[in-house]
N, C-alpha and C. Protein backbone atom coordinates (compact mmCIF):
# COMPACT_ATOMS: atom_id res chain seq x y z
N MET A 1 6.46 2.04 -9.08
CA MET A 1 5.65 0.86 -9.00
C MET A 1 6.39 -0.44 -9.65
N GLN A 2 6.40 -1.35 -8.76
CA GLN A 2 7.27 -2.38 -9.42
C GLN A 2 6.17 -3.76 -9.30
N GLU A 3 5.65 -4.23 -10.54
CA GLU A 3 4.84 -5.75 -10.63
C GLU A 3 5.38 -6.76 -11.44
N THR A 4 4.81 -7.64 -11.12
CA THR A 4 5.14 -9.05 -11.97
C THR A 4 4.16 -9.62 -12.47
N PHE A 5 4.13 -9.57 -13.68
CA PHE A 5 3.34 -10.30 -14.56
C PHE A 5 3.42 -11.43 -15.35
N GLU A 6 2.11 -12.20 -14.67
CA GLU A 6 2.24 -13.85 -14.91
C GLU A 6 1.66 -13.89 -16.16
N LEU A 7 2.84 -14.48 -17.44
CA LEU A 7 2.09 -14.48 -18.76
C LEU A 7 1.53 -15.83 -18.96
N THR A 8 0.40 -16.47 -19.97
CA THR A 8 -0.16 -17.40 -19.66
C THR A 8 -0.07 -17.78 -21.28
N GLY A 9 0.55 -16.93 -21.78
CA GLY A 9 0.59 -17.61 -23.31
C GLY A 9 2.09 -17.19 -23.75
N GLU A 10 2.18 -17.27 -25.00
CA GLU A 10 3.90 -17.16 -25.87
C GLU A 10 4.61 -15.82 -25.17
N TYR A 11 3.14 -14.85 -25.63
CA TYR A 11 4.12 -13.76 -25.29
C TYR A 11 2.77 -12.60 -25.24
N ILE A 12 3.07 -11.14 -24.76
CA ILE A 12 2.10 -10.05 -24.83
C ILE A 12 2.96 -8.94 -25.48
N THR A 13 2.33 -8.10 -26.66
CA THR A 13 2.43 -6.90 -26.86
C THR A 13 2.47 -6.14 -25.83
N LEU A 14 3.86 -5.45 -26.20
CA LEU A 14 4.37 -4.30 -24.91
C LEU A 14 2.73 -3.57 -24.97
N CYS A 15 2.51 -2.84 -25.86
CA CYS A 15 1.16 -1.83 -25.49
C CYS A 15 0.01 -2.74 -24.90
N ASN A 16 -0.09 -4.06 -25.02
CA ASN A 16 -1.05 -4.50 -23.86
C ASN A 16 -0.50 -5.04 -22.62
N LEU A 17 0.59 -5.01 -22.61
CA LEU A 17 1.28 -4.91 -21.11
C LEU A 17 1.07 -4.05 -20.60
N LEU A 18 1.26 -3.11 -21.20
CA LEU A 18 1.25 -1.60 -20.56
C LEU A 18 -0.62 -1.30 -19.95
N LYS A 19 -0.82 -1.51 -20.68
CA LYS A 19 -2.58 -1.29 -20.54
C LYS A 19 -3.14 -2.06 -19.21
N VAL A 20 -2.76 -3.95 -19.76
CA VAL A 20 -3.02 -4.69 -18.36
C VAL A 20 -2.34 -4.11 -16.95
N CYS A 21 -1.38 -3.86 -17.16
CA CYS A 21 -0.61 -3.61 -15.77
C CYS A 21 -1.13 -1.96 -15.35
N GLY A 22 -2.25 -1.20 -15.77
CA GLY A 22 -2.27 -0.16 -15.39
C GLY A 22 -0.97 0.74 -15.53
N VAL A 23 -0.30 0.61 -16.20
CA VAL A 23 0.42 1.91 -16.45
C VAL A 23 0.21 3.08 -17.34
N ALA A 24 -0.73 2.37 -18.42
CA ALA A 24 -1.11 3.27 -19.13
C ALA A 24 -3.26 3.00 -18.83
N ASP A 25 -4.02 4.22 -19.17
CA ASP A 25 -4.94 4.03 -18.97
C ASP A 25 -6.08 2.83 -19.99
N THR A 26 -5.13 3.52 -21.46
CA THR A 26 -5.64 3.12 -22.67
C THR A 26 -4.85 2.93 -23.32
N GLY A 27 -5.24 2.40 -24.68
CA GLY A 27 -4.03 1.58 -25.29
C GLY A 27 -3.14 2.48 -26.09
N GLY A 28 -4.43 3.85 -26.50
CA GLY A 28 -3.89 4.85 -26.83
C GLY A 28 -2.86 5.55 -26.23
N ALA A 29 -3.29 5.55 -25.22
CA ALA A 29 -1.56 6.38 -24.26
C ALA A 29 -0.97 5.05 -23.92
N ALA A 30 -0.83 4.15 -24.01
CA ALA A 30 0.46 3.19 -23.79
C ALA A 30 1.20 3.48 -25.22
N LYS A 31 0.42 3.74 -26.37
CA LYS A 31 0.89 3.64 -27.95
C LYS A 31 1.66 4.92 -27.68
N LEU A 32 1.19 6.10 -27.08
CA LEU A 32 2.30 7.64 -27.15
C LEU A 32 3.69 7.51 -26.29
N MET A 33 3.55 6.36 -24.84
CA MET A 33 4.23 6.21 -24.07
C MET A 33 5.26 5.61 -24.80
N ILE A 34 5.23 4.40 -25.97
CA ILE A 34 6.09 3.57 -26.38
C ILE A 34 6.96 4.85 -27.74
N VAL A 35 5.76 5.49 -28.59
CA VAL A 35 6.31 6.46 -29.22
C VAL A 35 7.42 7.75 -29.28
N ASP A 36 6.94 8.21 -27.61
CA ASP A 36 7.72 8.84 -27.17
C ASP A 36 9.16 8.73 -26.36
N GLY A 37 9.41 7.44 -26.41
CA GLY A 37 10.32 6.80 -26.26
C GLY A 37 10.49 7.04 -24.43
N ASP A 38 8.88 6.79 -24.12
CA ASP A 38 9.15 6.38 -22.18
C ASP A 38 9.09 5.02 -21.72
N VAL A 39 9.46 4.17 -22.50
CA VAL A 39 9.52 2.34 -22.62
C VAL A 39 10.62 1.86 -22.37
N GLU A 40 11.55 1.09 -21.82
CA GLU A 40 12.34 0.22 -21.99
C GLU A 40 12.16 -0.99 -21.81
N VAL A 41 12.59 -1.80 -22.70
CA VAL A 41 12.25 -3.33 -22.43
C VAL A 41 13.90 -3.90 -22.06
N ASP A 42 14.45 -4.69 -21.05
CA ASP A 42 15.37 -5.43 -20.91
C ASP A 42 16.75 -3.99 -21.17
N GLY A 43 16.37 -2.93 -20.35
CA GLY A 43 17.09 -1.71 -20.69
C GLY A 43 17.42 -0.83 -21.73
N GLN A 44 16.63 -1.29 -23.09
CA GLN A 44 17.10 -0.50 -24.28
C GLN A 44 15.93 0.08 -24.40
N MET A 45 15.80 1.10 -25.01
CA MET A 45 14.71 2.06 -25.21
C MET A 45 13.95 1.16 -26.65
N GLU A 46 12.57 0.89 -26.22
CA GLU A 46 11.58 0.33 -27.54
C GLU A 46 10.67 1.13 -27.80
N LEU A 47 10.60 1.35 -29.29
CA LEU A 47 9.63 2.49 -30.00
C LEU A 47 8.64 1.81 -30.91
N ARG A 48 8.55 0.01 -30.80
CA ARG A 48 7.32 -0.90 -31.44
C ARG A 48 6.46 -1.13 -30.71
N LYS A 49 5.15 -0.79 -31.20
CA LYS A 49 4.31 -1.04 -30.11
C LYS A 49 3.80 -2.36 -30.11
N GLY A 50 3.61 -2.96 -31.07
CA GLY A 50 3.53 -4.74 -31.32
C GLY A 50 4.77 -5.25 -30.76
N CYS A 51 5.87 -4.84 -30.11
CA CYS A 51 7.01 -5.63 -29.60
C CYS A 51 6.33 -6.89 -28.97
N LYS A 52 6.87 -7.99 -29.11
CA LYS A 52 6.39 -9.24 -28.12
C LYS A 52 7.37 -9.05 -27.04
N ILE A 53 6.62 -9.10 -25.57
CA ILE A 53 7.19 -9.04 -24.72
C ILE A 53 6.81 -10.63 -24.29
N ARG A 54 8.05 -11.56 -24.05
CA ARG A 54 8.29 -13.04 -23.39
C ARG A 54 8.72 -12.91 -22.03
N ALA A 55 8.45 -14.18 -21.50
CA ALA A 55 8.69 -14.46 -19.86
C ALA A 55 10.38 -14.32 -19.79
N GLY A 56 10.75 -13.86 -18.79
CA GLY A 56 12.13 -13.27 -18.43
C GLY A 56 12.81 -12.08 -18.83
N GLN A 57 11.65 -11.18 -19.52
CA GLN A 57 12.00 -9.72 -19.86
C GLN A 57 11.39 -8.97 -18.77
N ILE A 58 11.96 -7.58 -19.03
CA ILE A 58 11.82 -6.27 -17.67
C ILE A 58 11.11 -5.33 -18.38
N VAL A 59 10.20 -4.52 -18.32
CA VAL A 59 9.78 -3.57 -18.96
C VAL A 59 9.91 -2.74 -18.02
N SER A 60 10.37 -1.14 -18.24
CA SER A 60 10.20 -0.26 -17.37
C SER A 60 10.31 1.14 -17.83
N GLY A 61 9.92 2.26 -17.14
CA GLY A 61 9.65 3.52 -17.67
C GLY A 61 9.79 4.22 -16.06
N TYR A 62 9.75 5.62 -16.06
CA TYR A 62 9.45 6.56 -15.25
C TYR A 62 8.62 5.98 -14.19
N GLY A 63 9.04 5.64 -12.99
CA GLY A 63 7.99 5.62 -12.02
C GLY A 63 7.58 3.86 -11.73
N PHE A 64 7.95 2.90 -13.39
CA PHE A 64 7.55 1.29 -13.04
C PHE A 64 8.40 0.70 -13.54
N GLU A 65 8.40 -0.91 -13.01
CA GLU A 65 9.47 -1.58 -13.96
C GLU A 65 8.09 -3.11 -13.66
N ILE A 66 8.25 -3.63 -14.84
CA ILE A 66 7.32 -4.86 -14.28
C ILE A 66 8.18 -6.33 -15.37
N SER A 67 8.23 -7.01 -14.38
CA SER A 67 8.97 -8.00 -14.27
C SER A 67 7.96 -9.52 -15.72
N VAL A 68 8.21 -9.86 -16.33
CA VAL A 68 7.54 -10.76 -16.98
C VAL A 68 8.11 -12.08 -16.82
N VAL A 69 7.17 -13.40 -16.13
CA VAL A 69 7.28 -14.04 -15.56
C VAL A 69 6.21 -15.29 -16.45
N ALA A 70 6.83 -16.45 -16.29
CA ALA A 70 5.64 -17.80 -17.23
C ALA A 70 5.04 -17.87 -16.00
N SER A 71 3.90 -18.49 -16.58
CA SER A 71 2.54 -18.71 -16.07
C SER A 71 3.13 -20.09 -15.33
N GLU A 72 2.47 -20.72 -14.38
CA GLU A 72 3.04 -22.59 -13.70
C GLU A 72 1.94 -23.13 -14.63
N HIS A 73 0.66 -22.45 -15.08
CA HIS A 73 -0.24 -23.40 -15.96
C HIS A 73 -0.30 -23.44 -16.92
N PHE A 74 1.01 -22.71 -17.48
CA PHE A 74 1.06 -22.29 -19.21
C PHE A 74 2.02 -23.79 -19.76
């Protein structure tokens, strides 16, 4: 799954991004993915659930890649 997420604020937390994009069904599932080391931000393993994801970053893992872009309306 390859997706583009349009950021409407300054940032979104990693956990919320995974939930909003449908990578994880719940916040708990997203947290487990992160803690288990299954998520990378810009090619580096990220273990912080509250990591702030900003426009220009790429979040990826097994079977998914999310490109985060700035909203034109922000």
